[in-house]
Amino acid sequence: MNNNLTSLVNAKTWAGVTTTNDDALITRLIGSASRFILSYLQRPTLFQFNYTDVYDGMGTKVQMLRHWPVLSISSLVVGMQTIPAVSDPTTGPGCGYVLDPWNGFPPGRPQALSLRGYEFYKGFSNVAVNYIAGFVIQNEAQTVPSSNYQITPLAPNGSFAVDQGVTYANGTALTAVQSSPAVGQYIAPMAANAYYQFAAGDANASVLLCYSYVPADIEDACINMVGERYSYKNRPGLVSKGLGGQETMAYSQKDMPDYIRSALQPYRRVLPV
């Protein structure tokens, strides 16, 4: 999985780079900054991923999940018992599990898995939860244009990152291909600011897009870090320098500027691993 948190185009725009001479260098810096940020956040990825967590039962009815935002629960097993989902938490108590829902906006927060009629009884590694989490736009309604058959994701909360599938409005899945899509097929965007390409035969079709994205504040943090490291190549090891004898310019020696740390803090995972 490509875990880069910004694109080459966006990083170059911020750094004011207009040539392709340093594309390889900036691409490498994007990867390095992205890994640094994910390490600080204590997250393996921000994109849709299938997690399997194992916990010690504590004799409670609530378990906080390690990763968020949680999109769905695939299975919950306590001991040898598979726990079902409560069919409709709003209509009555029922028996099973209830997931604390995500409001759909970043940064989100850790979510609780609550039990009704059961408990996470005390035991060592006796609770197993399989679930899908990540920053994902789900079922974005769009219509394939009648001219170029291209759809640009709306990406309201941050840049497009990874395609997670396309369906028609009735739920029938389309198939992703690399080129020349036929009816029922599409080409996924390869980067932010790109578009979905559909076949002429799907013109005017109503479709639902699903895709992972990079929250805007995290991408801004990555872009700033890339820009700082890119400029560092012209002043390696330099702490300060005089400007015409009138003033001195000092360079920060911190691994991460305070404003970036503050922007990232709401996304940091602090639950035990």
Protein backbone atom coordinates (compact mmCIF):
# COMPACT_ATOMS: atom_id res chain seq x y z
CA MET A 1 0.00 0.00 0.00
CA ASN A 2 1.25 3.49 -0.89
CA ASN A 3 0.97 5.49 2.33
CA ASN A 4 2.16 8.81 0.92
CA LEU A 5 0.29 11.71 2.52
CA THR A 6 0.62 14.19 -0.33
CA SER A 7 1.29 14.25 -4.06
CA LEU A 8 4.34 15.38 -5.99
CA VAL A 9 2.29 18.15 -7.61
CA ASN A 10 1.09 19.56 -4.29
CA ALA A 11 4.53 19.38 -2.67
CA LYS A 12 6.18 21.14 -5.63
CA THR A 13 3.55 23.86 -5.62
CA TRP A 14 4.20 24.59 -1.93
CA ALA A 15 7.98 24.55 -2.41
CA GLY A 16 7.75 26.80 -5.48
CA VAL A 17 9.46 24.23 -7.71
CA THR A 18 8.58 24.56 -11.40
CA THR A 19 11.07 22.17 -13.01
CA THR A 20 11.26 18.38 -12.98
CA ASN A 21 14.95 18.30 -12.02
CA ASP A 22 14.31 17.37 -8.40
CA ASP A 23 11.21 15.20 -8.84
CA ALA A 24 12.99 12.07 -7.62
CA LEU A 25 14.32 13.88 -4.55
CA ILE A 26 10.95 15.41 -3.65
CA THR A 27 9.21 12.06 -4.15
CA ARG A 28 11.69 10.48 -1.73
CA LEU A 29 11.10 13.29 0.79
CA ILE A 30 7.33 12.75 0.53
CA GLY A 31 7.78 9.08 1.43
CA SER A 32 10.11 9.94 4.32
CA ALA A 33 7.83 12.66 5.73
CA SER A 34 4.77 10.43 5.38
CA ARG A 35 6.42 7.59 7.32
CA PHE A 36 7.59 10.04 9.99
CA ILE A 37 4.05 11.39 10.44
CA LEU A 38 2.47 7.92 10.56
CA SER A 39 5.05 6.86 13.14
CA TYR A 40 4.25 9.92 15.26
CA LEU A 41 0.52 9.20 14.94
CA GLN A 42 1.17 5.54 15.86
CA ARG A 43 -0.91 4.45 12.88
CA PRO A 44 0.03 1.91 10.19
CA THR A 45 -2.06 3.80 7.64
CA LEU A 46 -4.81 6.41 7.36
CA PHE A 47 -6.51 4.60 4.50
CA GLN A 48 -9.07 1.80 4.49
CA PHE A 49 -7.59 -1.29 6.10
CA ASN A 50 -8.88 -4.54 7.58
CA TYR A 51 -7.74 -4.89 11.20
CA THR A 52 -7.87 -7.90 13.48
CA ASP A 53 -7.43 -6.89 17.12
CA VAL A 54 -7.09 -9.23 20.09
CA TYR A 55 -7.85 -7.94 23.59
CA ASP A 56 -7.91 -9.26 27.13
CA GLY A 57 -11.48 -9.37 28.42
CA MET A 58 -11.86 -7.13 31.48
CA GLY A 59 -15.33 -8.12 32.66
CA THR A 60 -16.92 -5.01 31.14
CA LYS A 61 -19.51 -4.38 28.45
CA VAL A 62 -17.43 -1.81 26.52
CA GLN A 63 -14.22 -2.21 24.50
CA MET A 64 -12.44 0.75 22.91
CA LEU A 65 -11.09 -0.15 19.46
CA ARG A 66 -7.47 0.67 18.65
CA HIS A 67 -7.95 2.21 15.22
CA TRP A 68 -10.40 4.80 13.95
CA PRO A 69 -12.52 5.89 12.22
CA VAL A 70 -14.23 2.49 12.20
CA LEU A 71 -16.37 1.92 9.12
CA SER A 72 -17.78 -1.52 9.89
CA ILE A 73 -17.38 -4.58 12.09
CA SER A 74 -16.77 -7.85 10.25
CA SER A 75 -16.86 -10.16 13.29
CA LEU A 76 -16.68 -10.16 17.07
CA VAL A 77 -15.77 -13.28 19.04
CA VAL A 78 -15.61 -13.48 22.84
CA GLY A 79 -14.11 -16.78 23.93
CA MET A 80 -15.80 -19.30 21.65
CA GLN A 81 -18.95 -17.20 21.22
CA THR A 82 -19.56 -15.22 18.02
CA ILE A 83 -21.49 -12.07 18.96
CA PRO A 84 -23.99 -10.72 16.41
CA ALA A 85 -24.75 -7.08 15.73
CA VAL A 86 -27.83 -5.56 17.31
CA SER A 87 -30.20 -5.29 14.36
CA ASP A 88 -31.44 -1.79 15.15
CA PRO A 89 -29.96 -0.04 18.21
CA THR A 90 -32.59 2.71 18.00
CA THR A 91 -35.70 0.53 18.35
CA GLY A 92 -34.95 -1.53 21.44
CA PRO A 93 -32.32 -3.21 23.58
CA GLY A 94 -31.82 -6.48 21.67
CA CYS A 95 -28.74 -8.63 22.25
CA GLY A 96 -25.39 -8.25 20.51
CA TYR A 97 -22.87 -5.50 19.86
CA VAL A 98 -23.33 -1.83 19.01
CA LEU A 99 -20.60 0.26 17.40
CA ASP A 100 -20.23 3.88 18.46
CA PRO A 101 -20.72 5.56 15.05
CA TRP A 102 -18.31 7.95 13.31
CA ASN A 103 -19.78 11.32 12.35
CA GLY A 104 -18.00 11.21 8.98
CA PHE A 105 -15.65 14.13 9.60
CA PRO A 106 -11.95 14.11 10.49
CA PRO A 107 -10.23 13.81 12.88
CA GLY A 108 -12.85 11.56 14.47
CA ARG A 109 -12.17 9.89 17.81
CA PRO A 110 -11.63 6.40 19.26
CA GLN A 111 -14.85 4.40 19.02
CA ALA A 112 -16.40 2.03 21.54
CA LEU A 113 -17.83 -1.41 20.89
CA SER A 114 -20.63 -2.00 23.43
CA LEU A 115 -22.37 -5.26 24.30
CA ARG A 116 -26.02 -5.85 25.12
CA GLY A 117 -26.87 -9.16 26.76
CA TYR A 118 -23.20 -10.23 26.77
CA GLU A 119 -19.96 -9.06 28.37
CA PHE A 120 -16.25 -9.08 27.63
CA TYR A 121 -15.67 -11.59 30.42
CA LYS A 122 -12.26 -11.68 32.06
CA GLY A 123 -9.66 -13.68 30.18
CA PHE A 124 -6.32 -13.54 28.41
CA SER A 125 -6.58 -12.70 24.67
CA ASN A 126 -10.16 -13.96 24.65
CA VAL A 127 -11.66 -11.11 22.59
CA ALA A 128 -11.11 -10.93 18.82
CA VAL A 129 -12.51 -8.13 16.67
CA ASN A 130 -12.20 -7.95 12.89
CA TYR A 131 -13.12 -4.55 11.47
CA ILE A 132 -12.50 -2.03 8.70
CA ALA A 133 -11.22 1.44 9.54
CA GLY A 134 -9.82 4.42 7.69
CA PHE A 135 -10.62 7.88 6.39
CA VAL A 136 -13.00 7.00 3.57
CA ILE A 137 -15.69 8.77 1.59
CA GLN A 138 -18.41 6.17 1.14
CA ASN A 139 -21.06 6.15 -1.59
CA GLU A 140 -20.42 9.60 -3.04
CA ALA A 141 -23.27 10.03 -5.54
CA GLN A 142 -22.15 11.17 -9.00
CA THR A 143 -23.40 10.99 -12.59
CA VAL A 144 -21.15 10.00 -15.48
CA PRO A 145 -21.03 13.01 -17.88
CA SER A 146 -22.30 12.60 -21.42
CA SER A 147 -19.16 14.10 -22.98
CA ASN A 148 -15.78 13.01 -21.58
CA TYR A 149 -17.16 10.35 -19.17
CA GLN A 150 -14.83 11.60 -16.43
CA ILE A 151 -15.69 12.21 -12.78
CA THR A 152 -13.42 14.12 -10.41
CA PRO A 153 -14.00 13.05 -6.78
CA LEU A 154 -15.45 15.84 -4.65
CA ALA A 155 -12.98 15.01 -1.84
CA PRO A 156 -14.64 17.38 0.67
CA ASN A 157 -12.35 16.56 3.60
CA GLY A 158 -8.99 16.08 1.91
CA SER A 159 -7.20 14.85 -1.20
CA PHE A 160 -8.15 11.59 -2.92
CA ALA A 161 -5.69 8.82 -2.01
CA VAL A 162 -6.89 5.28 -2.86
CA ASP A 163 -9.88 3.99 -4.82
CA GLN A 164 -12.09 1.68 -2.75
CA GLY A 165 -14.56 0.76 -5.44
CA VAL A 166 -17.43 2.03 -7.58
CA THR A 167 -21.01 0.77 -7.88
CA TYR A 168 -24.05 1.78 -9.84
CA ALA A 169 -26.77 3.44 -7.78
CA ASN A 170 -28.50 0.05 -7.44
CA GLY A 171 -25.42 -1.43 -5.74
CA THR A 172 -24.04 -3.41 -8.70
CA ALA A 173 -20.25 -3.23 -8.59
CA LEU A 174 -18.18 -1.93 -11.50
CA THR A 175 -14.78 -3.45 -12.26
CA ALA A 176 -11.57 -1.43 -12.11
CA VAL A 177 -9.32 -1.77 -15.19
CA GLN A 178 -6.06 -0.18 -16.28
CA SER A 179 -7.18 1.13 -19.67
CA SER A 180 -10.01 1.26 -22.22
CA PRO A 181 -12.98 0.69 -19.88
CA ALA A 182 -16.06 -1.03 -21.27
CA VAL A 183 -19.58 -0.76 -19.87
CA GLY A 184 -19.46 -1.76 -16.22
CA GLN A 185 -15.77 -0.88 -15.92
CA TYR A 186 -13.76 2.19 -14.88
CA ILE A 187 -10.23 3.51 -14.50
CA ALA A 188 -9.49 4.79 -11.00
CA PRO A 189 -7.60 8.04 -10.38
CA MET A 190 -3.87 7.49 -9.98
CA ALA A 191 -3.25 10.58 -7.82
CA ALA A 192 -4.93 13.55 -6.20
CA ASN A 193 -6.59 15.96 -8.63
CA ALA A 194 -7.12 13.13 -11.14
CA TYR A 195 -10.45 11.63 -12.19
CA TYR A 196 -12.42 8.42 -12.66
CA GLN A 197 -12.75 7.42 -16.32
CA PHE A 198 -15.84 5.55 -17.50
CA ALA A 199 -17.00 4.02 -20.78
CA ALA A 200 -19.13 5.92 -23.28
CA GLY A 201 -21.82 3.31 -22.74
CA ASP A 202 -22.12 4.41 -19.11
CA ALA A 203 -22.83 8.05 -19.98
CA ASN A 204 -25.49 9.54 -17.68
CA ALA A 205 -25.29 6.52 -15.36
CA SER A 206 -25.68 7.20 -11.63
CA VAL A 207 -22.72 5.82 -9.70
CA LEU A 208 -21.47 5.71 -6.12
CA LEU A 209 -17.77 6.32 -5.46
CA CYS A 210 -15.83 5.04 -2.47
CA TYR A 211 -12.27 6.21 -1.82
CA SER A 212 -9.76 6.81 0.94
CA TYR A 213 -8.47 10.33 1.41
CA VAL A 214 -5.78 12.26 3.29
CA PRO A 215 -7.34 14.68 5.79
CA ALA A 216 -6.41 18.20 4.69
CA ASP A 217 -4.61 19.17 7.87
CA ILE A 218 -2.44 16.05 7.73
CA GLU A 219 -1.56 16.69 4.09
CA ASP A 220 -0.66 20.29 4.94
CA ALA A 221 1.62 19.02 7.71
CA CYS A 222 3.32 16.63 5.27
CA ILE A 223 3.73 19.35 2.63
CA ASN A 224 5.31 21.68 5.16
CA MET A 225 7.75 19.01 6.31
CA VAL A 226 8.71 18.18 2.72
CA GLY A 227 9.24 21.88 1.95
CA GLU A 228 11.43 22.31 5.02
CA ARG A 229 13.59 19.28 4.20
CA TYR A 230 13.85 20.33 0.56
CA SER A 231 15.16 23.77 1.52
CA TYR A 232 17.58 22.16 3.98
CA LYS A 233 19.65 20.78 1.09
CA ASN A 234 20.92 24.32 0.47
CA ARG A 235 21.93 24.85 4.13
CA PRO A 236 23.00 21.48 5.59
CA GLY A 237 24.05 21.82 9.21
CA LEU A 238 23.43 25.58 9.22
CA VAL A 239 21.92 26.84 12.48
CA SER A 240 21.89 30.55 11.65
CA LYS A 241 23.36 33.08 9.27
CA GLY A 242 23.86 36.82 9.21
CA LEU A 243 21.99 39.04 6.78
CA GLY A 244 24.19 41.97 5.73
CA GLY A 245 25.42 42.47 9.27
CA GLN A 246 22.06 43.93 10.29
CA GLU A 247 20.25 40.84 11.54
CA THR A 248 20.63 37.10 11.97
CA MET A 249 18.34 34.39 10.59
CA ALA A 250 18.02 31.30 12.81
CA TYR A 251 16.77 27.89 11.65
CA SER A 252 14.74 25.58 13.85
CA GLN A 253 16.50 22.37 14.90
CA LYS A 254 13.34 20.59 16.06
CA ASP A 255 12.39 17.28 14.49
CA MET A 256 8.85 18.67 14.05
CA PRO A 257 7.71 22.30 14.31
CA ASP A 258 5.22 23.01 17.09
CA TYR A 259 2.44 24.07 14.70
CA ILE A 260 2.68 20.76 12.85
CA ARG A 261 2.66 18.82 16.11
CA SER A 262 -0.48 20.69 17.19
CA ALA A 263 -2.21 19.97 13.86
CA LEU A 264 -1.42 16.25 14.11
CA GLN A 265 -2.27 15.77 17.77
CA PRO A 266 -6.03 15.15 17.30
CA TYR A 267 -5.20 12.23 14.97
CA ARG A 268 -2.66 10.58 17.25
CA ARG A 269 -3.52 7.11 18.47
CA VAL A 270 -2.88 6.87 22.19
CA LEU A 271 -4.65 3.60 23.00
CA PRO A 272 -2.38 0.68 23.99
CA VAL A 273 -1.17 -1.49 21.13
